[in-house]
Amino acid sequence: MATNAVAVIEIIAREAKCSPEDIALNTGLNELGIDSLKAIIILSELEDLLGIEIPNEIIGSINTVGDIVTKLDELQRISDTE
């Protein structure tokens, strides 16, 4: 599993108070009890960890763990080209 995916799953597991093994890329955030406030906390932790800025506006477009990983990969590619 890619580094971003592992980091996302670990942070989500901590926020959702579950085991990382219980989380797959297709797991819905709502299934894990992740609301918009928790999503902001998760994104903030990922910003600190990865050293990139993640706009809060993406919250409306993320529904699964995989959505977060995809957005992070996109943001990192953009950041790497700047």
PDB file of N, CA and C in Angstrom:
ATOM      1  N   MET A   1       0.854  -1.182   0.000  1.00  0.00           N
ATOM      2  CA  MET A   1       0.000   0.000   0.000  1.00  0.00           C
ATOM      3  C   MET A   1       0.894   1.237   0.000  1.00  0.00           C
ATOM      4  N   ALA A   2       0.535   2.247  -0.751  1.00  0.00           N
ATOM      5  CA  ALA A   2       1.328   3.468  -0.872  1.00  0.00           C
ATOM      6  C   ALA A   2       1.419   4.198   0.465  1.00  0.00           C
ATOM      7  N   THR A   3       2.469   4.982   0.602  1.00  0.00           N
ATOM      8  CA  THR A   3       2.737   5.688   1.855  1.00  0.00           C
ATOM      9  C   THR A   3       1.575   6.580   2.279  1.00  0.00           C
ATOM     10  N   ASN A   4       1.010   7.345   1.326  1.00  0.00           N
ATOM     11  CA  ASN A   4      -0.119   8.211   1.668  1.00  0.00           C
ATOM     12  C   ASN A   4      -1.296   7.400   2.187  1.00  0.00           C
ATOM     13  N   ALA A   5      -1.556   6.275   1.578  1.00  0.00           N
ATOM     14  CA  ALA A   5      -2.684   5.445   2.008  1.00  0.00           C
ATOM     15  C   ALA A   5      -2.480   4.957   3.436  1.00  0.00           C
ATOM     16  N   VAL A   6      -1.268   4.535   3.754  1.00  0.00           N
ATOM     17  CA  VAL A   6      -0.975   4.062   5.109  1.00  0.00           C
ATOM     18  C   VAL A   6      -1.164   5.189   6.113  1.00  0.00           C
ATOM     19  N   ALA A   7      -0.643   6.373   5.795  1.00  0.00           N
ATOM     20  CA  ALA A   7      -0.772   7.517   6.704  1.00  0.00           C
ATOM     21  C   ALA A   7      -2.235   7.896   6.908  1.00  0.00           C
ATOM     22  N   VAL A   8      -2.991   7.936   5.823  1.00  0.00           N
ATOM     23  CA  VAL A   8      -4.414   8.289   5.909  1.00  0.00           C
ATOM     24  C   VAL A   8      -5.151   7.271   6.769  1.00  0.00           C
ATOM     25  N   ILE A   9      -4.915   6.006   6.529  1.00  0.00           N
ATOM     26  CA  ILE A   9      -5.615   4.961   7.289  1.00  0.00           C
ATOM     27  C   ILE A   9      -5.252   5.023   8.767  1.00  0.00           C
ATOM     28  N   GLU A  10      -3.984   5.255   9.077  1.00  0.00           N
ATOM     29  CA  GLU A  10      -3.579   5.329  10.480  1.00  0.00           C
ATOM     30  C   GLU A  10      -4.240   6.505  11.193  1.00  0.00           C
ATOM     31  N   ILE A  11      -4.275   7.646  10.546  1.00  0.00           N
ATOM     32  CA  ILE A  11      -4.883   8.833  11.168  1.00  0.00           C
ATOM     33  C   ILE A  11      -6.392   8.651  11.305  1.00  0.00           C
ATOM     34  N   ILE A  12      -7.037   8.125  10.285  1.00  0.00           N
ATOM     35  CA  ILE A  12      -8.484   7.896  10.361  1.00  0.00           C
ATOM     36  C   ILE A  12      -8.799   6.879  11.451  1.00  0.00           C
ATOM     37  N   ALA A  13      -8.008   5.827  11.537  1.00  0.00           N
ATOM     38  CA  ALA A  13      -8.239   4.809  12.570  1.00  0.00           C
ATOM     39  C   ALA A  13      -8.158   5.429  13.958  1.00  0.00           C
ATOM     40  N   ARG A  14      -7.196   6.311  14.146  1.00  0.00           N
ATOM     41  CA  ARG A  14      -7.057   6.971  15.446  1.00  0.00           C
ATOM     42  C   ARG A  14      -8.288   7.835  15.750  1.00  0.00           C
ATOM     43  N   GLU A  15      -8.746   8.589  14.754  1.00  0.00           N
ATOM     44  CA  GLU A  15      -9.918   9.455  14.952  1.00  0.00           C
ATOM     45  C   GLU A  15     -11.203   8.645  15.131  1.00  0.00           C
ATOM     46  N   ALA A  16     -11.311   7.535  14.412  1.00  0.00           N
ATOM     47  CA  ALA A  16     -12.517   6.705  14.465  1.00  0.00           C
ATOM     48  C   ALA A  16     -12.460   5.688  15.601  1.00  0.00           C
ATOM     49  N   LYS A  17     -11.308   5.648  16.277  1.00  0.00           N
ATOM     50  CA  LYS A  17     -11.113   4.713  17.395  1.00  0.00           C
ATOM     51  C   LYS A  17     -11.373   3.268  16.952  1.00  0.00           C
ATOM     52  N   CYS A  18     -10.696   2.893  15.860  1.00  0.00           N
ATOM     53  CA  CYS A  18     -10.787   1.527  15.372  1.00  0.00           C
ATOM     54  C   CYS A  18      -9.404   1.080  14.901  1.00  0.00           C
ATOM     55  N   SER A  19      -9.313  -0.150  14.507  1.00  0.00           N
ATOM     56  CA  SER A  19      -8.051  -0.708  14.043  1.00  0.00           C
ATOM     57  C   SER A  19      -7.832  -0.343  12.571  1.00  0.00           C
ATOM     58  N   PRO A  20      -6.600  -0.008  12.194  1.00  0.00           N
ATOM     59  CA  PRO A  20      -6.323   0.250  10.774  1.00  0.00           C
ATOM     60  C   PRO A  20      -6.702  -0.928   9.885  1.00  0.00           C
ATOM     61  N   GLU A  21      -6.640  -2.134  10.419  1.00  0.00           N
ATOM     62  CA  GLU A  21      -6.992  -3.320   9.637  1.00  0.00           C
ATOM     63  C   GLU A  21      -8.476  -3.352   9.264  1.00  0.00           C
ATOM     64  N   ASP A  22      -9.290  -2.573   9.979  1.00  0.00           N
ATOM     65  CA  ASP A  22     -10.722  -2.521   9.700  1.00  0.00           C
ATOM     66  C   ASP A  22     -11.068  -1.516   8.596  1.00  0.00           C
ATOM     67  N   ILE A  23     -10.043  -0.838   8.078  1.00  0.00           N
ATOM     68  CA  ILE A  23     -10.271   0.234   7.104  1.00  0.00           C
ATOM     69  C   ILE A  23      -9.656  -0.145   5.764  1.00  0.00           C
ATOM     70  N   ALA A  24     -10.458  -0.021   4.700  1.00  0.00           N
ATOM     71  CA  ALA A  24      -9.988  -0.236   3.327  1.00  0.00           C
ATOM     72  C   ALA A  24     -10.159   1.073   2.562  1.00  0.00           C
ATOM     73  N   LEU A  25      -9.561   1.154   1.403  1.00  0.00           N
ATOM     74  CA  LEU A  25      -9.674   2.383   0.605  1.00  0.00           C
ATOM     75  C   LEU A  25     -11.116   2.683   0.208  1.00  0.00           C
ATOM     76  N   ASN A  26     -11.940   1.657   0.075  1.00  0.00           N
ATOM     77  CA  ASN A  26     -13.336   1.884  -0.311  1.00  0.00           C
ATOM     78  C   ASN A  26     -14.268   2.058   0.888  1.00  0.00           C
ATOM     79  N   THR A  27     -13.704   2.129   2.092  1.00  0.00           N
ATOM     80  CA  THR A  27     -14.532   2.335   3.284  1.00  0.00           C
ATOM     81  C   THR A  27     -15.043   3.769   3.303  1.00  0.00           C
ATOM     82  N   GLY A  28     -16.349   3.912   3.501  1.00  0.00           N
ATOM     83  CA  GLY A  28     -16.956   5.231   3.576  1.00  0.00           C
ATOM     84  C   GLY A  28     -16.630   5.919   4.891  1.00  0.00           C
ATOM     85  N   LEU A  29     -16.378   7.215   4.810  1.00  0.00           N
ATOM     86  CA  LEU A  29     -16.076   7.966   6.025  1.00  0.00           C
ATOM     87  C   LEU A  29     -17.259   7.943   6.994  1.00  0.00           C
ATOM     88  N   ASN A  30     -18.469   7.995   6.448  1.00  0.00           N
ATOM     89  CA  ASN A  30     -19.648   7.959   7.319  1.00  0.00           C
ATOM     90  C   ASN A  30     -19.773   6.618   8.036  1.00  0.00           C
ATOM     91  N   GLU A  31     -19.305   5.532   7.415  1.00  0.00           N
ATOM     92  CA  GLU A  31     -19.302   4.217   8.061  1.00  0.00           C
ATOM     93  C   GLU A  31     -18.420   4.217   9.308  1.00  0.00           C
ATOM     94  N   LEU A  32     -17.409   5.071   9.290  1.00  0.00           N
ATOM     95  CA  LEU A  32     -16.455   5.142  10.393  1.00  0.00           C
ATOM     96  C   LEU A  32     -16.817   6.223  11.406  1.00  0.00           C
ATOM     97  N   GLY A  33     -17.931   6.905  11.169  1.00  0.00           N
ATOM     98  CA  GLY A  33     -18.345   7.972  12.077  1.00  0.00           C
ATOM     99  C   GLY A  33     -17.553   9.254  11.898  1.00  0.00           C
ATOM    100  N   ILE A  34     -16.962   9.432  10.713  1.00  0.00           N
ATOM    101  CA  ILE A  34     -16.184  10.638  10.432  1.00  0.00           C
ATOM    102  C   ILE A  34     -17.121  11.694   9.855  1.00  0.00           C
ATOM    103  N   ASP A  35     -17.378  12.728  10.651  1.00  0.00           N
ATOM    104  CA  ASP A  35     -18.197  13.843  10.182  1.00  0.00           C
ATOM    105  C   ASP A  35     -17.276  14.945   9.657  1.00  0.00           C
ATOM    106  N   SER A  36     -17.838  16.082   9.263  1.00  0.00           N
ATOM    107  CA  SER A  36     -17.024  17.139   8.667  1.00  0.00           C
ATOM    108  C   SER A  36     -15.999  17.703   9.648  1.00  0.00           C
ATOM    109  N   LEU A  37     -16.333  17.794  10.922  1.00  0.00           N
ATOM    110  CA  LEU A  37     -15.372  18.304  11.908  1.00  0.00           C
ATOM    111  C   LEU A  37     -14.187  17.349  12.050  1.00  0.00           C
ATOM    112  N   LYS A  38     -14.469  16.066  12.157  1.00  0.00           N
ATOM    113  CA  LYS A  38     -13.379  15.086  12.237  1.00  0.00           C
ATOM    114  C   LYS A  38     -12.572  15.073  10.943  1.00  0.00           C
ATOM    115  N   ALA A  39     -13.238  15.273   9.811  1.00  0.00           N
ATOM    116  CA  ALA A  39     -12.525  15.313   8.526  1.00  0.00           C
ATOM    117  C   ALA A  39     -11.532  16.469   8.501  1.00  0.00           C
ATOM    118  N   ILE A  40     -11.924  17.620   9.048  1.00  0.00           N
ATOM    119  CA  ILE A  40     -11.017  18.771   9.111  1.00  0.00           C
ATOM    120  C   ILE A  40      -9.818  18.442   9.991  1.00  0.00           C
ATOM    121  N   ILE A  41     -10.051  17.779  11.104  1.00  0.00           N
ATOM    122  CA  ILE A  41      -8.956  17.382  11.999  1.00  0.00           C
ATOM    123  C   ILE A  41      -8.007  16.425  11.272  1.00  0.00           C
ATOM    124  N   ILE A  42      -8.563  15.466  10.566  1.00  0.00           N
ATOM    125  CA  ILE A  42      -7.751  14.505   9.817  1.00  0.00           C
ATOM    126  C   ILE A  42      -6.925  15.221   8.748  1.00  0.00           C
ATOM    127  N   LEU A  43      -7.555  16.109   8.004  1.00  0.00           N
ATOM    128  CA  LEU A  43      -6.838  16.840   6.960  1.00  0.00           C
ATOM    129  C   LEU A  43      -5.741  17.705   7.544  1.00  0.00           C
ATOM    130  N   SER A  44      -5.995  18.312   8.699  1.00  0.00           N
ATOM    131  CA  SER A  44      -4.978  19.127   9.364  1.00  0.00           C
ATOM    132  C   SER A  44      -3.767  18.280   9.763  1.00  0.00           C
ATOM    133  N   GLU A  45      -4.025  17.105  10.307  1.00  0.00           N
ATOM    134  CA  GLU A  45      -2.931  16.200  10.667  1.00  0.00           C
ATOM    135  C   GLU A  45      -2.142  15.773   9.434  1.00  0.00           C
ATOM    136  N   LEU A  46      -2.837  15.527   8.344  1.00  0.00           N
ATOM    137  CA  LEU A  46      -2.161  15.134   7.110  1.00  0.00           C
ATOM    138  C   LEU A  46      -1.332  16.287   6.548  1.00  0.00           C
ATOM    139  N   GLU A  47      -1.834  17.506   6.660  1.00  0.00           N
ATOM    140  CA  GLU A  47      -1.056  18.676   6.236  1.00  0.00           C
ATOM    141  C   GLU A  47       0.271  18.740   6.986  1.00  0.00           C
ATOM    142  N   ASP A  48       0.185  18.590   8.305  1.00  0.00           N
ATOM    143  CA  ASP A  48       1.395  18.631   9.127  1.00  0.00           C
ATOM    144  C   ASP A  48       2.354  17.505   8.755  1.00  0.00           C
ATOM    145  N   LEU A  49       1.826  16.326   8.567  1.00  0.00           N
ATOM    146  CA  LEU A  49       2.645  15.155   8.269  1.00  0.00           C
ATOM    147  C   LEU A  49       3.317  15.257   6.904  1.00  0.00           C
ATOM    148  N   LEU A  50       2.558  15.700   5.906  1.00  0.00           N
ATOM    149  CA  LEU A  50       3.040  15.689   4.526  1.00  0.00           C
ATOM    150  C   LEU A  50       3.637  17.018   4.075  1.00  0.00           C
ATOM    151  N   GLY A  51       3.430  18.063   4.861  1.00  0.00           N
ATOM    152  CA  GLY A  51       3.987  19.367   4.511  1.00  0.00           C
ATOM    153  C   GLY A  51       3.344  20.008   3.296  1.00  0.00           C
ATOM    154  N   ILE A  52       2.056  19.751   3.092  1.00  0.00           N
ATOM    155  CA  ILE A  52       1.330  20.378   1.985  1.00  0.00           C
ATOM    156  C   ILE A  52       0.079  21.048   2.532  1.00  0.00           C
ATOM    157  N   GLU A  53      -0.435  21.997   1.762  1.00  0.00           N
ATOM    158  CA  GLU A  53      -1.678  22.665   2.154  1.00  0.00           C
ATOM    159  C   GLU A  53      -2.847  21.940   1.504  1.00  0.00           C
ATOM    160  N   ILE A  54      -3.830  21.597   2.342  1.00  0.00           N
ATOM    161  CA  ILE A  54      -5.021  20.895   1.859  1.00  0.00           C
ATOM    162  C   ILE A  54      -6.213  21.825   2.073  1.00  0.00           C
ATOM    163  N   PRO A  55      -6.840  22.286   0.985  1.00  0.00           N
ATOM    164  CA  PRO A  55      -7.980  23.182   1.146  1.00  0.00           C
ATOM    165  C   PRO A  55      -9.176  22.471   1.795  1.00  0.00           C
ATOM    166  N   ASN A  56      -9.811  23.148   2.758  1.00  0.00           N
ATOM    167  CA  ASN A  56     -10.976  22.564   3.435  1.00  0.00           C
ATOM    168  C   ASN A  56     -12.124  22.290   2.468  1.00  0.00           C
ATOM    169  N   GLU A  57     -12.115  22.944   1.309  1.00  0.00           N
ATOM    170  CA  GLU A  57     -13.193  22.765   0.338  1.00  0.00           C
ATOM    171  C   GLU A  57     -13.276  21.332  -0.180  1.00  0.00           C
ATOM    172  N   ILE A  58     -12.192  20.572  -0.055  1.00  0.00           N
ATOM    173  CA  ILE A  58     -12.256  19.204  -0.578  1.00  0.00           C
ATOM    174  C   ILE A  58     -13.152  18.303   0.265  1.00  0.00           C
ATOM    175  N   ILE A  59     -13.511  18.768   1.446  1.00  0.00           N
ATOM    176  CA  ILE A  59     -14.360  17.947   2.314  1.00  0.00           C
ATOM    177  C   ILE A  59     -15.650  17.548   1.612  1.00  0.00           C
ATOM    178  N   GLY A  60     -16.198  18.437   0.814  1.00  0.00           N
ATOM    179  CA  GLY A  60     -17.431  18.132   0.092  1.00  0.00           C
ATOM    180  C   GLY A  60     -17.268  17.072  -0.987  1.00  0.00           C
ATOM    181  N   SER A  61     -16.015  16.801  -1.382  1.00  0.00           N
ATOM    182  CA  SER A  61     -15.793  15.853  -2.470  1.00  0.00           C
ATOM    183  C   SER A  61     -15.166  14.534  -2.013  1.00  0.00           C
ATOM    184  N   ILE A  62     -15.047  14.356  -0.695  1.00  0.00           N
ATOM    185  CA  ILE A  62     -14.482  13.100  -0.208  1.00  0.00           C
ATOM    186  C   ILE A  62     -15.553  12.296   0.527  1.00  0.00           C
ATOM    187  N   ASN A  63     -15.708  11.075   0.097  1.00  0.00           N
ATOM    188  CA  ASN A  63     -16.694  10.183   0.718  1.00  0.00           C
ATOM    189  C   ASN A  63     -16.065   8.910   1.266  1.00  0.00           C
ATOM    190  N   THR A  64     -14.906   8.554   0.712  1.00  0.00           N
ATOM    191  CA  THR A  64     -14.243   7.325   1.133  1.00  0.00           C
ATOM    192  C   THR A  64     -12.795   7.628   1.519  1.00  0.00           C
ATOM    193  N   VAL A  65     -12.171   6.666   2.135  1.00  0.00           N
ATOM    194  CA  VAL A  65     -10.756   6.771   2.479  1.00  0.00           C
ATOM    195  C   VAL A  65      -9.944   6.950   1.196  1.00  0.00           C
ATOM    196  N   GLY A  66     -10.290   6.203   0.173  1.00  0.00           N
ATOM    197  CA  GLY A  66      -9.599   6.310  -1.114  1.00  0.00           C
ATOM    198  C   GLY A  66      -9.710   7.688  -1.738  1.00  0.00           C
ATOM    199  N   ASP A  67     -10.835   8.372  -1.530  1.00  0.00           N
ATOM    200  CA  ASP A  67     -10.986   9.745  -2.041  1.00  0.00           C
ATOM    201  C   ASP A  67      -9.929  10.657  -1.428  1.00  0.00           C
ATOM    202  N   ILE A  68      -9.673  10.502  -0.146  1.00  0.00           N
ATOM    203  CA  ILE A  68      -8.659  11.322   0.522  1.00  0.00           C
ATOM    204  C   ILE A  68      -7.284  11.028  -0.068  1.00  0.00           C
ATOM    205  N   VAL A  69      -6.968   9.750  -0.236  1.00  0.00           N
ATOM    206  CA  VAL A  69      -5.665   9.357  -0.780  1.00  0.00           C
ATOM    207  C   VAL A  69      -5.489   9.941  -2.187  1.00  0.00           C
ATOM    208  N   THR A  70      -6.526   9.849  -3.015  1.00  0.00           N
ATOM    209  CA  THR A  70      -6.468  10.383  -4.374  1.00  0.00           C
ATOM    210  C   THR A  70      -6.230  11.883  -4.365  1.00  0.00           C
ATOM    211  N   LYS A  71      -6.953  12.605  -3.521  1.00  0.00           N
ATOM    212  CA  LYS A  71      -6.781  14.066  -3.435  1.00  0.00           C
ATOM    213  C   LYS A  71      -5.381  14.421  -2.962  1.00  0.00           C
ATOM    214  N   LEU A  72      -4.861  13.693  -1.978  1.00  0.00           N
ATOM    215  CA  LEU A  72      -3.507  13.951  -1.487  1.00  0.00           C
ATOM    216  C   LEU A  72      -2.483  13.724  -2.592  1.00  0.00           C
ATOM    217  N   ASP A  73      -2.638  12.647  -3.345  1.00  0.00           N
ATOM    218  CA  ASP A  73      -1.718  12.372  -4.448  1.00  0.00           C
ATOM    219  C   ASP A  73      -1.750  13.511  -5.468  1.00  0.00           C
ATOM    220  N   GLU A  74      -2.953  14.002  -5.780  1.00  0.00           N
ATOM    221  CA  GLU A  74      -3.095  15.121  -6.726  1.00  0.00           C
ATOM    222  C   GLU A  74      -2.409  16.370  -6.185  1.00  0.00           C
ATOM    223  N   LEU A  75      -2.652  16.692  -4.919  1.00  0.00           N
ATOM    224  CA  LEU A  75      -2.058  17.885  -4.311  1.00  0.00           C
ATOM    225  C   LEU A  75      -0.540  17.775  -4.245  1.00  0.00           C
ATOM    226  N   GLN A  76      -0.030  16.599  -3.989  1.00  0.00           N
ATOM    227  CA  GLN A  76       1.422  16.418  -3.928  1.00  0.00           C
ATOM    228  C   GLN A  76       2.050  16.560  -5.322  1.00  0.00           C
ATOM    229  N   ARG A  77       1.374  16.058  -6.346  1.00  0.00           N
ATOM    230  CA  ARG A  77       1.884  16.220  -7.711  1.00  0.00           C
ATOM    231  C   ARG A  77       1.943  17.702  -8.086  1.00  0.00           C
ATOM    232  N   ILE A  78       0.903  18.443  -7.736  1.00  0.00           N
ATOM    233  CA  ILE A  78       0.875  19.878  -8.003  1.00  0.00           C
ATOM    234  C   ILE A  78       1.989  20.582  -7.250  1.00  0.00           C
ATOM    235  N   SER A  79       2.132  20.222  -5.979  1.00  0.00           N
ATOM    236  CA  SER A  79       3.153  20.828  -5.128  1.00  0.00           C
ATOM    237  C   SER A  79       4.554  20.522  -5.656  1.00  0.00           C
ATOM    238  N   ASP A  80       4.766  19.317  -6.156  1.00  0.00           N
ATOM    239  CA  ASP A  80       6.083  18.925  -6.673  1.00  0.00           C
ATOM    240  C   ASP A  80       6.463  19.664  -7.942  1.00  0.00           C
ATOM    241  N   THR A  81       5.466  20.128  -8.718  1.00  0.00           N
ATOM    242  CA  THR A  81       5.755  20.822  -9.964  1.00  0.00           C
ATOM    243  C   THR A  81       5.929  22.324  -9.772  1.00  0.00           C
ATOM    244  N   GLU A  82       5.620  22.803  -8.605  1.00  0.00           N
ATOM    245  CA  GLU A  82       5.743  24.256  -8.353  1.00  0.00           C
ATOM    246  C   GLU A  82       7.125  24.620  -7.923  1.00  0.00           C
TER     247      GLU A  82
END
